[in-house]
Structure formats: C-alpha cells, structure tokens
Amino acid sequence: MTYPSAAKVARLWGISARSVRNCCAQGRVPGAFPTGKARGVPADAGRPVA
C-alpha cells in the first residue's frame, strides 16, 4: 500500500492540505497514522464527510 503526502491527497480530494491533516488528526480518515509532523494517508482512503 502506498501513502501519498497530504498535499497530493488534498489535490485529489479538492481540499487544502491543512484540512487533510486535521481530518487525519481527528481520526476521520481510516488507516491514517502520524509520522513525525506529517500524516500517512492510505492511497485508497476516501474523502471524509463533514
């Protein structure tokens, strides 16, 4: 499984990278995990619903 950067995921989802990091930190993205200051987001994770 690949883990693209928050910036790449943000472009795919149509939201900001900060919003992706916030969603991951809040546990709204299944499979996301912290890697230092960044977040590992699974490539097959779907965009969380507000």
N, C-alpha and C. Protein backbone atom coordinates (compact mmCIF):
# COMPACT_ATOMS: atom_id res chain seq x y z
N MET A 1 0.85 -1.18 0.00
CA MET A 1 0.00 0.00 0.00
C MET A 1 0.89 1.24 0.00
N THR A 2 0.48 2.24 -0.74
CA THR A 2 1.24 3.49 -0.79
C THR A 2 0.59 4.53 0.10
N TYR A 3 1.40 5.46 0.55
CA TYR A 3 0.94 6.53 1.43
C TYR A 3 1.40 7.87 0.86
N PRO A 4 0.57 8.49 0.01
CA PRO A 4 0.95 9.77 -0.59
C PRO A 4 0.95 10.89 0.46
N SER A 5 1.57 11.98 0.11
CA SER A 5 1.64 13.12 1.02
C SER A 5 0.27 13.77 1.18
N ALA A 6 0.14 14.56 2.23
CA ALA A 6 -1.12 15.27 2.48
C ALA A 6 -1.42 16.22 1.32
N ALA A 7 -0.40 16.79 0.71
CA ALA A 7 -0.61 17.71 -0.41
C ALA A 7 -1.20 16.98 -1.62
N LYS A 8 -0.72 15.77 -1.91
CA LYS A 8 -1.25 15.00 -3.04
C LYS A 8 -2.69 14.58 -2.76
N VAL A 9 -2.94 14.13 -1.54
CA VAL A 9 -4.30 13.73 -1.17
C VAL A 9 -5.24 14.93 -1.24
N ALA A 10 -4.76 16.10 -0.82
CA ALA A 10 -5.57 17.32 -0.86
C ALA A 10 -5.98 17.65 -2.29
N ARG A 11 -5.07 17.51 -3.24
CA ARG A 11 -5.41 17.77 -4.65
C ARG A 11 -6.46 16.78 -5.14
N LEU A 12 -6.35 15.52 -4.75
CA LEU A 12 -7.33 14.51 -5.17
C LEU A 12 -8.70 14.79 -4.57
N TRP A 13 -8.74 15.18 -3.32
CA TRP A 13 -10.00 15.42 -2.61
C TRP A 13 -10.56 16.81 -2.86
N GLY A 14 -9.77 17.72 -3.39
CA GLY A 14 -10.25 19.08 -3.65
C GLY A 14 -10.35 19.95 -2.42
N ILE A 15 -9.50 19.68 -1.41
CA ILE A 15 -9.46 20.48 -0.19
C ILE A 15 -8.02 20.85 0.11
N SER A 16 -7.78 21.65 1.14
CA SER A 16 -6.43 22.07 1.46
C SER A 16 -5.67 20.96 2.19
N ALA A 17 -4.35 21.02 2.13
CA ALA A 17 -3.51 20.05 2.83
C ALA A 17 -3.73 20.14 4.34
N ARG A 18 -3.96 21.34 4.82
CA ARG A 18 -4.23 21.52 6.25
C ARG A 18 -5.51 20.79 6.67
N SER A 19 -6.52 20.83 5.83
CA SER A 19 -7.76 20.13 6.12
C SER A 19 -7.54 18.61 6.14
N VAL A 20 -6.70 18.12 5.25
CA VAL A 20 -6.37 16.69 5.24
C VAL A 20 -5.70 16.32 6.55
N ARG A 21 -4.73 17.12 6.98
CA ARG A 21 -4.03 16.83 8.25
C ARG A 21 -4.98 16.90 9.43
N ASN A 22 -5.90 17.86 9.42
CA ASN A 22 -6.88 17.97 10.50
C ASN A 22 -7.79 16.75 10.54
N CYS A 23 -8.27 16.32 9.39
CA CYS A 23 -9.14 15.14 9.33
C CYS A 23 -8.41 13.90 9.85
N CYS A 24 -7.15 13.77 9.51
CA CYS A 24 -6.37 12.63 9.98
C CYS A 24 -6.19 12.70 11.49
N ALA A 25 -5.87 13.87 12.00
CA ALA A 25 -5.65 14.05 13.44
C ALA A 25 -6.93 13.78 14.24
N GLN A 26 -8.08 14.07 13.65
CA GLN A 26 -9.36 13.85 14.32
C GLN A 26 -9.85 12.41 14.19
N GLY A 27 -9.11 11.58 13.45
CA GLY A 27 -9.50 10.19 13.29
C GLY A 27 -10.59 9.95 12.26
N ARG A 28 -10.79 10.90 11.37
CA ARG A 28 -11.85 10.80 10.37
C ARG A 28 -11.40 10.10 9.09
N VAL A 29 -10.09 9.78 8.99
CA VAL A 29 -9.58 9.06 7.82
C VAL A 29 -9.07 7.70 8.30
N PRO A 30 -9.78 6.62 7.96
CA PRO A 30 -9.37 5.31 8.43
C PRO A 30 -8.00 4.91 7.88
N GLY A 31 -7.16 4.40 8.73
CA GLY A 31 -5.84 3.94 8.31
C GLY A 31 -4.76 5.00 8.34
N ALA A 32 -5.10 6.24 8.62
CA ALA A 32 -4.10 7.31 8.68
C ALA A 32 -3.32 7.20 9.99
N PHE A 33 -2.04 7.54 9.93
CA PHE A 33 -1.20 7.44 11.12
C PHE A 33 -0.18 8.57 11.12
N PRO A 34 0.26 8.98 12.32
CA PRO A 34 1.25 10.05 12.39
C PRO A 34 2.65 9.53 12.07
N THR A 35 3.40 10.33 11.32
CA THR A 35 4.80 10.03 11.03
C THR A 35 5.59 11.30 11.29
N GLY A 36 5.94 11.53 12.52
CA GLY A 36 6.59 12.77 12.89
C GLY A 36 5.57 13.89 12.84
N LYS A 37 5.86 14.94 12.07
CA LYS A 37 4.92 16.05 11.93
C LYS A 37 3.94 15.83 10.78
N ALA A 38 4.20 14.83 9.95
CA ALA A 38 3.34 14.54 8.80
C ALA A 38 2.34 13.44 9.15
N ARG A 39 1.47 13.14 8.22
CA ARG A 39 0.49 12.06 8.38
C ARG A 39 0.60 11.11 7.21
N GLY A 40 0.55 9.81 7.51
CA GLY A 40 0.49 8.81 6.46
C GLY A 40 -0.96 8.57 6.12
N VAL A 41 -1.36 8.85 4.89
CA VAL A 41 -2.74 8.68 4.46
C VAL A 41 -2.76 7.56 3.42
N PRO A 42 -3.50 6.49 3.66
CA PRO A 42 -3.57 5.42 2.66
C PRO A 42 -4.10 5.94 1.33
N ALA A 43 -3.52 5.43 0.24
CA ALA A 43 -3.92 5.90 -1.09
C ALA A 43 -5.38 5.57 -1.40
N ASP A 44 -5.91 4.52 -0.80
CA ASP A 44 -7.28 4.12 -1.10
C ASP A 44 -8.31 4.69 -0.12
N ALA A 45 -7.87 5.59 0.77
CA ALA A 45 -8.80 6.20 1.72
C ALA A 45 -9.71 7.17 1.00
N GLY A 46 -10.96 7.18 1.38
CA GLY A 46 -11.92 8.09 0.76
C GLY A 46 -11.96 9.42 1.51
N ARG A 47 -12.50 10.41 0.85
CA ARG A 47 -12.62 11.73 1.48
C ARG A 47 -13.66 11.66 2.60
N PRO A 48 -13.32 12.15 3.79
CA PRO A 48 -14.29 12.12 4.89
C PRO A 48 -15.43 13.11 4.66
N VAL A 49 -16.58 12.76 5.15
CA VAL A 49 -17.74 13.62 5.04
C VAL A 49 -17.78 14.53 6.24
N ALA A 50 -18.13 15.79 6.02
CA ALA A 50 -18.15 16.79 7.09
C ALA A 50 -18.92 16.25 8.23
